[in-house]
Amino acid sequence: MTALVAVDHVTRRYGDVVALDDVSLTVGPGELVGLLGPNGAGKSTLLSLVSGLRRPDAGTVRLAGRDPRDPAARVRLGTTPQETGLPGTLRVGEVVDLVAGHYPDPMSRGEVLERFGLTDLARRQTGGLSGGQRRRLAVALSLVGRPQVVLLDEPTTGLDVEARHVLWQALRDYQADGATVLVTSHYLEEIEALARRVVVIGSGRVLADDDLDAVLAMAAARRVLVEVAEADRPALAALPGVLDVRADGRRSVLLAADADAVVRSLVRSDLPFRDLEVRGASLEEAFLALTATTPGEPR
C-alpha cells in the first residue's frame, strides 16, 4: 500500500543545532504510531515537517504522495500542535463550525463535541475554558474535517486522568474507522494506551521502530553499576545478560534486561569488584543500548 507519510533521510537544523539527523520513517494507511522520546528529542520538528510548516534541510517528506505544502495534500490532514490559539470570544460550538467550514465533508458539531465530552460546553466562550478543556477542544478540532492523517503533538498536556482517558478513547475510535494517526509523547503510559507501533526518537535520530511489546521490553532494562579494575572492564561485556557496557568515572555501567542474573554471573565470574549498585534505566538509555550496532561492546 502507498505510504501516507514518507520521511526519507531527512535532516533539519536550527543554526548549529541538529534537530533531526538523517531520519527516515514510513507510515501506512490505518496505522496509529506513537513517537516516543524525551523533550527536545526532535518529535515536534518531525511533525512540523510532515505538516508542511517547515522544510527539511536535506531529504524529502511526502504526505499522501505529495509535498506537504501542497493544499491538495493538506486537506487530508488534521493536526494539533503543542500550543494552540483559540479565539477567546467565540463559543465552543462556533469554533467547531468555523473550522468545519474549511472542509468539504466535515463532522457535525454534535458528533465532534460528543466524541470529546464537550457537549455541555457548546455555548461556553473558549476564553472561559480551563486549560484541560481548551486542550480537548484543540484535539477535537483536528478531527472536524474527517482527515485521513492526524498529527497530535503531546495531546494530553494539562489534562486530568479522566479527560486523558476520554481523549484516548476518541482517538482509538477514530483510528479504528481507518484513519492514520501519529501522536508524540514523552510518557510511555500514553503511547502504551494508544499505539501498537512505537518509534523512539532521541537526539534527533530514530533509536527504535518496533511493536509495543518490544518497546516495553526495552523499557524494563536496568542499570548495574560496579567498580572493577581497568583491565577487567572488557570481561564485563561477556557476562550473560549484559546488553551494553559504558564507563562512568571509576565505575562501569552495565545495561541488563535481568539485573539479578547479571549480578549472579558477576559473582560467579570471580572478577574482583566493589560498590555494586542496581538502578532503573531511563528509556533513552535502554533504547540506545538495544539499538547499538554492537550490543555489549564497551564504549
Protein backbone atom coordinates (compact mmCIF):
# COMPACT_ATOMS: atom_id res chain seq x y z
CA MET A 1 0.00 0.00 0.00
CA THR A 2 1.11 3.57 -0.67
CA ALA A 3 2.55 5.25 2.42
CA LEU A 4 0.53 8.18 3.68
CA VAL A 5 3.56 9.60 5.49
CA ALA A 6 7.00 9.11 3.97
CA VAL A 7 10.08 10.74 5.52
CA ASP A 8 13.25 9.89 3.61
CA HIS A 9 16.72 10.67 5.03
CA VAL A 10 15.60 13.99 6.46
CA THR A 11 17.87 16.40 8.28
CA ARG A 12 16.70 19.65 9.87
CA ARG A 13 18.92 22.20 11.61
CA TYR A 14 18.26 25.31 13.66
CA GLY A 15 21.51 27.20 13.39
CA ASP A 16 24.18 24.95 14.84
CA VAL A 17 21.64 22.61 16.42
CA VAL A 18 20.75 19.45 14.51
CA ALA A 19 17.11 18.76 15.40
CA LEU A 20 16.75 15.77 13.05
CA ASP A 21 19.69 13.77 11.79
CA ASP A 22 19.09 11.60 8.67
CA VAL A 23 15.67 10.40 9.82
CA SER A 24 13.57 8.02 7.72
CA LEU A 25 10.03 6.91 8.58
CA THR A 26 7.16 5.37 6.62
CA VAL A 27 3.59 5.17 7.93
CA GLY A 28 0.90 3.27 6.07
CA PRO A 29 -2.88 3.70 5.95
CA GLY A 30 -4.71 2.94 9.18
CA GLU A 31 -1.67 2.87 11.47
CA LEU A 32 -1.61 4.54 14.89
CA VAL A 33 2.06 5.25 15.52
CA GLY A 34 3.45 6.59 18.77
CA LEU A 35 6.51 8.84 18.60
CA LEU A 36 8.19 8.44 21.97
CA GLY A 37 11.14 10.35 23.31
CA PRO A 38 12.31 12.93 25.84
CA ASN A 39 11.64 16.64 25.45
CA GLY A 40 13.94 18.10 22.82
CA ALA A 41 14.35 14.76 21.03
CA GLY A 42 13.06 16.08 17.67
CA LYS A 43 9.47 14.80 17.76
CA SER A 44 7.80 18.18 17.26
CA THR A 45 10.21 19.08 14.47
CA LEU A 46 9.34 15.86 12.68
CA LEU A 47 5.61 16.63 12.85
CA SER A 48 6.20 20.18 11.64
CA LEU A 49 7.89 18.79 8.53
CA VAL A 50 5.10 16.28 7.87
CA SER A 51 2.50 19.04 8.23
CA GLY A 52 4.39 21.34 5.85
CA LEU A 53 5.05 24.07 8.40
CA ARG A 54 8.79 23.69 7.92
CA ARG A 55 11.05 22.41 5.17
CA PRO A 56 13.84 19.86 5.63
CA ASP A 57 17.42 20.97 5.03
CA ALA A 58 18.07 17.61 3.37
CA GLY A 59 15.92 14.66 2.35
CA THR A 60 12.27 14.55 1.33
CA VAL A 61 8.89 14.46 3.08
CA ARG A 62 5.67 13.28 1.42
CA LEU A 63 2.12 13.42 2.71
CA ALA A 64 -0.25 11.17 0.75
CA GLY A 65 2.37 11.12 -2.00
CA ARG A 66 2.57 14.92 -2.27
CA ASP A 67 4.65 17.76 -0.91
CA PRO A 68 3.07 18.59 2.49
CA ARG A 69 2.84 22.26 1.44
CA ASP A 70 0.55 21.31 -1.42
CA PRO A 71 -3.06 22.28 -0.49
CA ALA A 72 -4.30 19.04 -2.09
CA ALA A 73 -2.27 17.10 0.50
CA ARG A 74 -3.09 19.33 3.47
CA VAL A 75 -6.86 18.96 3.02
CA ARG A 76 -6.38 15.34 4.15
CA LEU A 77 -4.55 16.46 7.29
CA GLY A 78 -5.69 17.22 10.84
CA THR A 79 -3.19 18.46 13.40
CA THR A 80 -2.91 19.66 16.98
CA PRO A 81 0.40 21.34 17.87
CA GLN A 82 1.68 21.70 21.43
CA GLU A 83 0.40 25.28 21.59
CA THR A 84 -2.98 26.15 20.06
CA GLY A 85 -4.56 29.62 19.95
CA LEU A 86 -8.36 29.80 20.14
CA PRO A 87 -10.49 32.94 19.59
CA GLY A 88 -11.48 33.74 23.16
CA THR A 89 -14.81 35.45 22.41
CA LEU A 90 -16.23 32.67 20.25
CA ARG A 91 -18.27 29.89 21.80
CA VAL A 92 -17.06 26.30 21.60
CA GLY A 93 -19.77 25.34 19.10
CA GLU A 94 -18.97 28.39 16.95
CA VAL A 95 -15.30 27.46 16.79
CA VAL A 96 -16.21 23.95 15.65
CA ASP A 97 -18.46 25.41 12.93
CA LEU A 98 -15.72 27.85 11.85
CA VAL A 99 -13.18 25.07 11.36
CA ALA A 100 -15.75 22.77 9.72
CA GLY A 101 -16.36 25.40 7.06
CA HIS A 102 -12.90 24.79 5.63
CA TYR A 103 -13.59 21.14 4.69
CA PRO A 104 -15.78 19.53 2.02
CA ASP A 105 -17.31 16.84 4.28
CA PRO A 106 -16.86 17.79 7.94
CA MET A 107 -18.28 16.11 11.00
CA SER A 108 -21.36 17.69 12.52
CA ARG A 109 -20.93 19.91 15.54
CA GLY A 110 -22.78 17.38 17.70
CA GLU A 111 -20.57 14.47 16.67
CA VAL A 112 -17.36 16.34 17.35
CA LEU A 113 -18.44 17.57 20.77
CA GLU A 114 -19.80 14.18 21.81
CA ARG A 115 -16.62 12.33 20.86
CA PHE A 116 -14.58 14.50 23.22
CA GLY A 117 -17.06 15.03 26.05
CA LEU A 118 -17.57 18.71 25.18
CA THR A 119 -21.33 18.75 24.56
CA ASP A 120 -22.09 20.61 27.82
CA LEU A 121 -19.57 23.30 26.85
CA ALA A 122 -21.03 24.11 23.41
CA ARG A 123 -22.20 27.60 24.49
CA ARG A 124 -19.16 28.42 26.63
CA GLN A 125 -16.73 31.04 25.28
CA THR A 126 -13.35 29.47 24.66
CA GLY A 127 -11.71 32.21 26.72
CA GLY A 128 -13.56 30.85 29.75
CA LEU A 129 -12.39 27.26 29.37
CA SER A 130 -9.89 25.63 31.66
CA GLY A 131 -6.53 24.58 30.25
CA GLY A 132 -7.65 20.97 30.03
CA GLN A 133 -10.91 21.88 28.31
CA ARG A 134 -9.06 24.03 25.78
CA ARG A 135 -6.73 21.14 25.07
CA ARG A 136 -9.60 18.73 24.47
CA LEU A 137 -11.20 21.23 22.11
CA ALA A 138 -7.91 21.70 20.23
CA VAL A 139 -7.64 17.94 19.66
CA ALA A 140 -11.32 17.74 18.68
CA LEU A 141 -10.78 20.44 16.05
CA SER A 142 -8.09 18.30 14.41
CA LEU A 143 -10.76 15.71 13.52
CA VAL A 144 -13.53 18.06 12.33
CA GLY A 145 -12.64 17.67 8.64
CA ARG A 146 -12.51 13.85 8.79
CA PRO A 147 -8.78 13.88 7.97
CA GLN A 148 -7.04 10.85 6.55
CA VAL A 149 -3.89 11.67 8.55
CA VAL A 150 -3.88 13.11 12.08
CA LEU A 151 -0.78 14.58 13.76
CA LEU A 152 -1.00 15.15 17.51
CA ASP A 153 1.87 16.73 19.44
CA GLU A 154 1.67 15.95 23.18
CA PRO A 155 -2.16 15.87 23.01
CA THR A 156 -2.89 15.29 26.71
CA THR A 157 -0.78 18.11 28.14
CA GLY A 158 -2.72 19.67 31.02
CA LEU A 159 -5.43 17.00 31.15
CA ASP A 160 -6.52 15.18 34.28
CA VAL A 161 -6.72 11.38 34.31
CA GLU A 162 -10.40 11.18 33.36
CA ALA A 163 -10.08 13.65 30.49
CA ARG A 164 -6.99 11.86 29.25
CA HIS A 165 -8.89 8.58 29.01
CA VAL A 166 -11.77 10.26 27.16
CA LEU A 167 -9.33 11.64 24.61
CA TRP A 168 -7.53 8.32 24.22
CA GLN A 169 -10.79 6.53 23.52
CA ALA A 170 -11.85 9.16 20.97
CA LEU A 171 -8.56 8.74 19.12
CA ARG A 172 -8.79 4.94 19.19
CA ASP A 173 -12.32 5.10 17.81
CA TYR A 174 -11.32 7.48 15.03
CA GLN A 175 -8.31 5.38 14.04
CA ALA A 176 -10.47 2.25 14.05
CA ASP A 177 -12.51 3.84 11.25
CA GLY A 178 -9.41 3.74 9.03
CA ALA A 179 -7.51 6.96 9.80
CA THR A 180 -3.74 7.19 10.19
CA VAL A 181 -2.62 8.80 13.45
CA LEU A 182 0.83 9.94 14.62
CA VAL A 183 0.99 11.00 18.24
CA THR A 184 4.01 12.26 20.17
CA SER A 185 4.62 11.88 23.88
CA HIS A 186 7.42 11.54 26.38
CA TYR A 187 5.14 9.36 28.54
CA LEU A 188 5.39 5.62 27.91
CA GLU A 189 1.97 5.17 29.53
CA GLU A 190 0.31 7.34 26.89
CA ILE A 191 1.95 5.59 23.98
CA GLU A 192 1.10 2.22 25.54
CA ALA A 193 -2.57 3.24 25.74
CA LEU A 194 -2.74 4.26 22.08
CA ALA A 195 -0.19 2.69 19.79
CA ARG A 196 0.74 -0.76 18.60
CA ARG A 197 3.79 0.53 16.73
CA VAL A 198 6.27 2.77 18.52
CA VAL A 199 9.04 4.91 17.05
CA VAL A 200 11.58 6.05 19.62
CA ILE A 201 13.36 9.33 18.88
CA GLY A 202 16.35 10.67 20.79
CA SER A 203 18.87 13.40 19.95
CA GLY A 204 17.31 13.81 16.52
CA ARG A 205 17.65 10.17 15.49
CA VAL A 206 15.33 7.18 15.28
CA LEU A 207 16.57 4.87 18.03
CA ALA A 208 13.96 2.15 17.59
CA ASP A 209 10.95 1.37 15.41
CA ASP A 210 9.13 -1.70 16.66
CA ASP A 211 5.86 -3.03 18.02
CA LEU A 212 4.70 -2.05 21.50
CA ASP A 213 5.71 -5.29 23.21
CA ALA A 214 9.30 -4.96 22.03
CA VAL A 215 9.48 -1.38 23.29
CA LEU A 216 8.04 -2.36 26.66
CA ALA A 217 10.77 -4.98 26.94
CA MET A 218 13.36 -2.30 26.24
CA ALA A 219 11.89 -0.08 28.93
CA ALA A 220 12.34 -2.85 31.51
CA ALA A 221 16.13 -2.66 31.28
CA ARG A 222 18.10 -1.98 34.48
CA ARG A 223 21.50 -0.45 35.21
CA VAL A 224 24.10 -2.36 37.19
CA LEU A 225 26.87 -0.06 38.42
CA VAL A 226 30.08 -1.65 39.61
CA GLU A 227 33.74 -0.76 40.05
CA VAL A 228 36.33 -3.16 38.63
CA ALA A 229 39.96 -2.85 37.62
CA GLU A 230 40.51 -1.16 34.25
CA ALA A 231 41.96 -4.39 32.85
CA ASP A 232 38.80 -6.31 33.85
CA ARG A 233 36.29 -3.99 32.15
CA PRO A 234 36.22 -5.89 28.82
CA ALA A 235 35.21 -9.05 30.71
CA LEU A 236 32.00 -7.36 31.89
CA ALA A 237 30.62 -7.30 28.36
CA ALA A 238 30.91 -11.08 28.18
CA LEU A 239 28.69 -11.69 31.21
CA PRO A 240 25.38 -13.38 30.27
CA GLY A 241 22.51 -10.93 30.03
CA VAL A 242 24.61 -7.78 29.58
CA LEU A 243 23.22 -5.61 26.78
CA ASP A 244 25.73 -2.79 26.90
CA VAL A 245 28.69 -1.56 28.96
CA ARG A 246 29.67 2.08 29.44
CA ALA A 247 32.32 3.77 31.54
CA ASP A 248 31.15 6.27 34.19
CA GLY A 249 34.19 7.56 36.02
CA ARG A 250 35.59 4.82 38.23
CA ARG A 251 32.57 2.62 37.74
CA SER A 252 31.21 0.68 34.80
CA VAL A 253 27.51 0.83 33.90
CA LEU A 254 26.01 -2.42 32.63
CA LEU A 255 22.62 -2.35 30.88
CA ALA A 256 20.69 -5.57 31.53
CA ALA A 257 17.22 -6.93 30.89
CA ASP A 258 17.61 -9.12 34.01
CA ALA A 259 19.78 -7.36 36.58
CA ASP A 260 19.58 -10.26 39.06
CA ALA A 261 21.00 -12.67 36.51
CA VAL A 262 23.84 -10.28 35.71
CA VAL A 263 24.75 -9.88 39.38
CA ARG A 264 24.77 -13.66 39.86
CA SER A 265 27.02 -14.04 36.80
CA LEU A 266 29.34 -11.34 38.12
CA VAL A 267 29.70 -13.10 41.47
CA ARG A 268 30.36 -16.47 39.81
CA SER A 269 32.95 -14.94 37.48
CA ASP A 270 35.37 -14.30 40.37
CA LEU A 271 36.12 -10.81 39.00
CA PRO A 272 37.18 -8.57 41.92
CA PHE A 273 34.61 -5.77 42.24
CA ARG A 274 33.25 -3.18 44.68
CA ASP A 275 30.48 -0.55 45.02
CA LEU A 276 27.80 -2.68 43.35
CA GLU A 277 24.50 -0.86 42.76
CA VAL A 278 21.36 -1.64 40.73
CA ARG A 279 19.16 1.16 39.40
CA GLY A 280 16.38 1.60 36.88
CA ALA A 281 17.49 2.65 33.40
CA SER A 282 15.96 5.59 31.61
CA LEU A 283 14.06 4.84 28.43
CA GLU A 284 16.68 6.60 26.36
CA GLU A 285 19.48 4.56 27.93
CA ALA A 286 17.61 1.33 27.27
CA PHE A 287 16.83 2.26 23.67
CA LEU A 288 20.39 3.40 22.95
CA ALA A 289 21.73 0.14 24.31
CA LEU A 290 19.33 -2.12 22.46
CA THR A 291 19.74 -0.35 19.13
CA ALA A 292 23.52 -0.10 19.27
CA THR A 293 25.41 -1.55 16.29
CA THR A 294 27.32 -3.92 18.53
CA PRO A 295 25.41 -4.65 21.75
CA GLY A 296 27.67 -5.34 24.69
CA GLU A 297 30.68 -3.54 23.24
CA PRO A 298 32.28 -1.22 25.83
CA ARG A 299 32.14 2.46 24.90
